[in-house]
Amino acid sequence: MIRTAVAWVLAFSSACAMAQMTPVGLWKTIDDDGKTEKSLVRISEAGGVLTGSIEKIFDPAKQDHKCDKCTDDRKDKPLLGLNIIRNVRQDADDKTIWTGGEILDPANGKTYKTRLKPVDGGKTMEMRGYIGFLYRTQVWQRVE
């Protein structure tokens, strides 16, 4: 009986830890300077595909902004609720990263290939946007 209870607790703890090692959840985005909090982005999963949308913008002056520099179906859509992460899937070879999709930078309207990698036990995530071998990485903080 005790062995079964201990096994169940260990299995449950492992499952909780693994759940945090996924990009799914609410993230505080931090600008490239590593200090400026910009927004909250909710990443969700459906059928093995991740998407992410802006839930909150911290700068009150940008609350009503639209993606006027976007060139696709997001053109002139409000930033709040805007889908900025699309078509990301768990890497087949490295289960610690999610790749294959894109991320939109609403400030310039450009889309970049992306790689998401939860680190520090899932408390933070390296969000990398890149074109070819050129890239930039932001570290986002998990909110929930």
Foldseek 3Di string as FASTA:
>chain_A
DVVVVVVVVVVVVVVVLVVLLDPAAKWFFDDLVQPRTFFIKGWDDDPQFIWIATAGGPPPVQQAPALCQADDPRHRPRNHGDTFWGGWGQDPVDNQKIWDTWGADSVRNDIFTWMWGQDPSNQKIWIWGDDDPDIGTTIIGGPD
